[in-house]
Amino acid sequence: MGSIEVIDYDPDWPALFAAEKAALLSLLGELVDDIHHVGSTSVVGLRAKPKIDIDAVIRDEGMMAEAVERVKDLAKYTFHGTPYQDGMWTFTSGRGSRGNRLYLCGPNNATHEKRILFRDWLRSHPEDAADYAALKSRLADEANGDWTYYTSGKAAFVARIVGMASR
């Protein structure tokens, strides 16, 4: 898969998200409640992997199968199921650190709610965003392409921020 790439903030990321959101709204229509830009690319100024993370909240769990099938029909995305068994149906486009990562979830999904808390905290606490950027850069250098090392190395930081944001 190659090295894990963490780069300086790209001011094009919000526009890339907006374009993908419009396409997904067109595709999912009445099934979707809202589509959110999450992850590091959603925090202005934050270093990140150049992969746009998107959470699409489906109106009702009973509509999930149809939503999943509609996205699976797009040649653009690769389907990964629910790898963490948390109700987040995962799709990716691109390779490695680049592209999009799309998650479909039902309303009140705990993982989605934690992502929103984390994103909003970093948006309003630049000192924590800077610490997170430094951590991600260090882990990317140390990981030597090991995504498990990179991801698990961020877990304690993310849990601490979500905990603070939840209070």
C-alpha atoms as a PDB file:
ATOM      1  CA  MET A   1       0.000   0.000   0.000  1.00  0.00           C
ATOM      2  CA  GLY A   2       3.025   2.299   0.407  1.00  0.00           C
ATOM      3  CA  SER A   3       3.765   4.990   2.906  1.00  0.00           C
ATOM      4  CA  ILE A   4       1.144   6.906   4.849  1.00  0.00           C
ATOM      5  CA  GLU A   5       1.023  10.440   3.519  1.00  0.00           C
ATOM      6  CA  VAL A   6       0.144  13.349   5.843  1.00  0.00           C
ATOM      7  CA  ILE A   7       0.314  16.708   4.090  1.00  0.00           C
ATOM      8  CA  ASP A   8      -0.318  20.371   4.849  1.00  0.00           C
ATOM      9  CA  TYR A   9      -3.933  21.526   4.769  1.00  0.00           C
ATOM     10  CA  ASP A  10      -5.283  21.941   1.234  1.00  0.00           C
ATOM     11  CA  PRO A  11      -7.852  24.740   0.831  1.00  0.00           C
ATOM     12  CA  ASP A  12      -9.461  22.687  -1.982  1.00  0.00           C
ATOM     13  CA  TRP A  13     -10.682  20.019   0.467  1.00  0.00           C
ATOM     14  CA  PRO A  14     -13.992  21.752   1.341  1.00  0.00           C
ATOM     15  CA  ALA A  15     -14.820  22.107  -2.371  1.00  0.00           C
ATOM     16  CA  LEU A  16     -13.933  18.438  -3.008  1.00  0.00           C
ATOM     17  CA  PHE A  17     -16.273  17.478  -0.177  1.00  0.00           C
ATOM     18  CA  ALA A  18     -19.043  19.778  -1.485  1.00  0.00           C
ATOM     19  CA  ALA A  19     -18.839  18.213  -4.948  1.00  0.00           C
ATOM     20  CA  GLU A  20     -18.992  14.686  -3.535  1.00  0.00           C
ATOM     21  CA  LYS A  21     -21.868  15.669  -1.216  1.00  0.00           C
ATOM     22  CA  ALA A  22     -23.854  16.976  -4.196  1.00  0.00           C
ATOM     23  CA  ALA A  23     -23.261  13.742  -6.117  1.00  0.00           C
ATOM     24  CA  LEU A  24     -24.273  11.630  -3.117  1.00  0.00           C
ATOM     25  CA  LEU A  25     -27.411  13.704  -2.503  1.00  0.00           C
ATOM     26  CA  SER A  26     -28.358  13.135  -6.128  1.00  0.00           C
ATOM     27  CA  LEU A  27     -27.703   9.392  -5.818  1.00  0.00           C
ATOM     28  CA  LEU A  28     -29.272   8.795  -2.401  1.00  0.00           C
ATOM     29  CA  GLY A  29     -32.050  11.390  -2.585  1.00  0.00           C
ATOM     30  CA  GLU A  30     -34.891  10.624  -0.209  1.00  0.00           C
ATOM     31  CA  LEU A  31     -32.842   8.002   1.675  1.00  0.00           C
ATOM     32  CA  VAL A  32     -30.371  10.474   3.163  1.00  0.00           C
ATOM     33  CA  ASP A  33     -30.941  12.766   6.130  1.00  0.00           C
ATOM     34  CA  ASP A  34     -27.612  14.630   5.956  1.00  0.00           C
ATOM     35  CA  ILE A  35     -24.053  14.291   4.694  1.00  0.00           C
ATOM     36  CA  HIS A  36     -21.146  15.464   6.860  1.00  0.00           C
ATOM     37  CA  HIS A  37     -17.496  16.253   6.148  1.00  0.00           C
ATOM     38  CA  VAL A  38     -15.623  14.532   8.978  1.00  0.00           C
ATOM     39  CA  GLY A  39     -12.012  13.611   9.642  1.00  0.00           C
ATOM     40  CA  SER A  40      -8.946  15.797   9.473  1.00  0.00           C
ATOM     41  CA  THR A  41      -9.661  17.281   6.041  1.00  0.00           C
ATOM     42  CA  SER A  42     -12.762  18.899   7.592  1.00  0.00           C
ATOM     43  CA  VAL A  43     -10.685  21.001  10.019  1.00  0.00           C
ATOM     44  CA  VAL A  44      -9.311  24.152   8.395  1.00  0.00           C
ATOM     45  CA  GLY A  45      -5.534  24.332   8.732  1.00  0.00           C
ATOM     46  CA  LEU A  46      -5.054  20.744   9.936  1.00  0.00           C
ATOM     47  CA  ARG A  47      -2.437  18.503   8.327  1.00  0.00           C
ATOM     48  CA  ALA A  48      -4.122  15.371   7.027  1.00  0.00           C
ATOM     49  CA  LYS A  49      -4.039  12.425   4.708  1.00  0.00           C
ATOM     50  CA  PRO A  50      -5.507  13.763   1.444  1.00  0.00           C
ATOM     51  CA  LYS A  51      -8.535  11.479   1.816  1.00  0.00           C
ATOM     52  CA  ILE A  52     -11.935  13.124   2.276  1.00  0.00           C
ATOM     53  CA  ASP A  53     -13.923  11.367   5.029  1.00  0.00           C
ATOM     54  CA  ILE A  54     -17.692  11.565   4.567  1.00  0.00           C
ATOM     55  CA  ASP A  55     -20.503  10.356   6.830  1.00  0.00           C
ATOM     56  CA  ALA A  56     -23.880  10.015   5.111  1.00  0.00           C
ATOM     57  CA  VAL A  57     -26.668   9.595   7.644  1.00  0.00           C
ATOM     58  CA  ILE A  58     -29.517   7.527   6.235  1.00  0.00           C
ATOM     59  CA  ARG A  59     -33.008   8.510   7.458  1.00  0.00           C
ATOM     60  CA  ASP A  60     -33.942   5.089   8.790  1.00  0.00           C
ATOM     61  CA  GLU A  61     -32.091   1.805   9.336  1.00  0.00           C
ATOM     62  CA  GLY A  62     -34.747   0.143   7.172  1.00  0.00           C
ATOM     63  CA  MET A  63     -33.442   2.155   4.189  1.00  0.00           C
ATOM     64  CA  MET A  64     -29.813   1.119   4.685  1.00  0.00           C
ATOM     65  CA  ALA A  65     -29.836  -1.897   2.340  1.00  0.00           C
ATOM     66  CA  GLU A  66     -31.106   0.226  -0.542  1.00  0.00           C
ATOM     67  CA  ALA A  67     -28.581   2.992   0.194  1.00  0.00           C
ATOM     68  CA  VAL A  68     -25.727   0.475   0.286  1.00  0.00           C
ATOM     69  CA  GLU A  69     -26.839  -1.029  -3.029  1.00  0.00           C
ATOM     70  CA  ARG A  70     -27.057   2.383  -4.701  1.00  0.00           C
ATOM     71  CA  VAL A  71     -23.487   3.236  -3.697  1.00  0.00           C
ATOM     72  CA  LYS A  72     -22.237  -0.262  -4.595  1.00  0.00           C
ATOM     73  CA  ASP A  73     -23.602   0.295  -8.115  1.00  0.00           C
ATOM     74  CA  LEU A  74     -21.162   3.193  -8.571  1.00  0.00           C
ATOM     75  CA  ALA A  75     -17.939   1.971 -10.142  1.00  0.00           C
ATOM     76  CA  LYS A  76     -16.178   4.753  -8.240  1.00  0.00           C
ATOM     77  CA  TYR A  77     -16.357   3.104  -4.801  1.00  0.00           C
ATOM     78  CA  THR A  78     -15.069  -0.167  -3.336  1.00  0.00           C
ATOM     79  CA  PHE A  79     -17.351  -1.694  -0.697  1.00  0.00           C
ATOM     80  CA  HIS A  80     -15.821  -2.879   2.598  1.00  0.00           C
ATOM     81  CA  GLY A  81     -18.921  -3.868   4.597  1.00  0.00           C
ATOM     82  CA  THR A  82     -18.961  -2.916   8.284  1.00  0.00           C
ATOM     83  CA  PRO A  83     -15.363  -3.694   9.270  1.00  0.00           C
ATOM     84  CA  TYR A  84     -15.759  -2.491  12.884  1.00  0.00           C
ATOM     85  CA  GLN A  85     -19.288  -3.860  13.417  1.00  0.00           C
ATOM     86  CA  ASP A  86     -20.413  -0.360  14.460  1.00  0.00           C
ATOM     87  CA  GLY A  87     -23.162   0.218  11.922  1.00  0.00           C
ATOM     88  CA  MET A  88     -20.869   2.192   9.602  1.00  0.00           C
ATOM     89  CA  TRP A  89     -21.078   0.761   6.051  1.00  0.00           C
ATOM     90  CA  THR A  90     -17.715   1.633   4.500  1.00  0.00           C
ATOM     91  CA  PHE A  91     -16.722   2.510   0.930  1.00  0.00           C
ATOM     92  CA  THR A  92     -13.448   3.896  -0.430  1.00  0.00           C
ATOM     93  CA  SER A  93     -12.230   5.461  -3.643  1.00  0.00           C
ATOM     94  CA  GLY A  94      -8.638   6.185  -4.539  1.00  0.00           C
ATOM     95  CA  ARG A  95      -5.637   4.371  -3.123  1.00  0.00           C
ATOM     96  CA  GLY A  96      -3.732   4.540   0.134  1.00  0.00           C
ATOM     97  CA  SER A  97      -3.787   8.016   1.628  1.00  0.00           C
ATOM     98  CA  ARG A  98      -5.662   9.623  -1.300  1.00  0.00           C
ATOM     99  CA  GLY A  99      -9.308   9.652  -2.402  1.00  0.00           C
ATOM    100  CA  ASN A 100     -12.555   9.455  -0.427  1.00  0.00           C
ATOM    101  CA  ARG A 101     -13.780   7.324   2.429  1.00  0.00           C
ATOM    102  CA  LEU A 102     -17.566   7.194   2.617  1.00  0.00           C
ATOM    103  CA  TYR A 103     -19.499   5.820   5.562  1.00  0.00           C
ATOM    104  CA  LEU A 104     -23.242   5.183   5.512  1.00  0.00           C
ATOM    105  CA  CYS A 105     -24.890   5.023   8.917  1.00  0.00           C
ATOM    106  CA  GLY A 106     -28.325   5.182  10.458  1.00  0.00           C
ATOM    107  CA  PRO A 107     -29.605   7.976  12.687  1.00  0.00           C
ATOM    108  CA  ASN A 108     -28.054   8.283  16.171  1.00  0.00           C
ATOM    109  CA  ASN A 109     -25.040   6.125  15.261  1.00  0.00           C
ATOM    110  CA  ALA A 110     -22.530   6.336  18.138  1.00  0.00           C
ATOM    111  CA  THR A 111     -19.447   6.273  15.882  1.00  0.00           C
ATOM    112  CA  HIS A 112     -20.815   9.087  13.725  1.00  0.00           C
ATOM    113  CA  GLU A 113     -21.696  11.159  16.800  1.00  0.00           C
ATOM    114  CA  LYS A 114     -18.134  10.735  18.155  1.00  0.00           C
ATOM    115  CA  ARG A 115     -16.696  11.855  14.802  1.00  0.00           C
ATOM    116  CA  ILE A 116     -18.794  15.021  14.912  1.00  0.00           C
ATOM    117  CA  LEU A 117     -17.729  15.726  18.519  1.00  0.00           C
ATOM    118  CA  PHE A 118     -14.051  15.209  17.589  1.00  0.00           C
ATOM    119  CA  ARG A 119     -14.274  17.369  14.452  1.00  0.00           C
ATOM    120  CA  ASP A 120     -16.085  20.207  16.194  1.00  0.00           C
ATOM    121  CA  TRP A 121     -13.653  20.154  19.125  1.00  0.00           C
ATOM    122  CA  LEU A 122     -10.632  20.425  16.836  1.00  0.00           C
ATOM    123  CA  ARG A 123     -12.311  23.213  14.860  1.00  0.00           C
ATOM    124  CA  SER A 124     -12.717  25.265  18.040  1.00  0.00           C
ATOM    125  CA  HIS A 125      -9.490  24.287  19.873  1.00  0.00           C
ATOM    126  CA  PRO A 126      -6.524  25.083  17.598  1.00  0.00           C
ATOM    127  CA  GLU A 127      -3.968  24.006  20.212  1.00  0.00           C
ATOM    128  CA  ASP A 128      -5.430  20.490  20.258  1.00  0.00           C
ATOM    129  CA  ALA A 129      -5.621  20.474  16.459  1.00  0.00           C
ATOM    130  CA  ALA A 130      -1.904  21.369  16.332  1.00  0.00           C
ATOM    131  CA  ASP A 131      -1.084  18.565  18.793  1.00  0.00           C
ATOM    132  CA  TYR A 132      -3.119  16.133  16.694  1.00  0.00           C
ATOM    133  CA  ALA A 133      -1.344  17.222  13.498  1.00  0.00           C
ATOM    134  CA  ALA A 134       2.048  16.669  15.152  1.00  0.00           C
ATOM    135  CA  LEU A 135       0.977  13.235  16.412  1.00  0.00           C
ATOM    136  CA  LYS A 136      -0.292  12.181  12.970  1.00  0.00           C
ATOM    137  CA  SER A 137       2.882  13.345  11.245  1.00  0.00           C
ATOM    138  CA  ARG A 138       5.060  11.483  13.754  1.00  0.00           C
ATOM    139  CA  LEU A 139       2.993   8.303  13.475  1.00  0.00           C
ATOM    140  CA  ALA A 140       3.012   8.432   9.662  1.00  0.00           C
ATOM    141  CA  ASP A 141       6.819   8.655   9.735  1.00  0.00           C
ATOM    142  CA  GLU A 142       7.141   5.833  12.265  1.00  0.00           C
ATOM    143  CA  ALA A 143       4.513   3.536  10.732  1.00  0.00           C
ATOM    144  CA  ASN A 144       6.460   2.716   7.562  1.00  0.00           C
ATOM    145  CA  GLY A 145       3.168   1.954   5.799  1.00  0.00           C
ATOM    146  CA  ASP A 146       1.636   0.039   8.735  1.00  0.00           C
ATOM    147  CA  TRP A 147      -1.943   1.368   8.869  1.00  0.00           C
ATOM    148  CA  THR A 148      -2.711  -0.517  12.105  1.00  0.00           C
ATOM    149  CA  TYR A 149       0.226   1.169  13.844  1.00  0.00           C
ATOM    150  CA  TYR A 150      -0.816   4.578  12.519  1.00  0.00           C
ATOM    151  CA  THR A 151      -4.485   4.219  13.462  1.00  0.00           C
ATOM    152  CA  SER A 152      -3.924   2.647  16.884  1.00  0.00           C
ATOM    153  CA  GLY A 153      -1.350   5.332  17.686  1.00  0.00           C
ATOM    154  CA  LYS A 154      -4.073   7.985  17.401  1.00  0.00           C
ATOM    155  CA  ALA A 155      -6.661   6.127  19.507  1.00  0.00           C
ATOM    156  CA  ALA A 156      -5.781   7.487  22.973  1.00  0.00           C
ATOM    157  CA  PHE A 157      -5.657  11.079  21.699  1.00  0.00           C
ATOM    158  CA  VAL A 158      -9.003  10.740  19.918  1.00  0.00           C
ATOM    159  CA  ALA A 159     -10.622   9.089  22.979  1.00  0.00           C
ATOM    160  CA  ARG A 160      -9.352  11.901  25.246  1.00  0.00           C
ATOM    161  CA  ILE A 161     -10.763  14.618  22.950  1.00  0.00           C
ATOM    162  CA  VAL A 162     -14.107  12.842  22.518  1.00  0.00           C
ATOM    163  CA  GLY A 163     -14.288  12.468  26.288  1.00  0.00           C
ATOM    164  CA  MET A 164     -13.707  16.188  26.833  1.00  0.00           C
ATOM    165  CA  ALA A 165     -16.134  17.119  24.051  1.00  0.00           C
ATOM    166  CA  SER A 166     -18.825  14.846  25.525  1.00  0.00           C
ATOM    167  CA  ARG A 167     -18.833  16.658  28.877  1.00  0.00           C
END
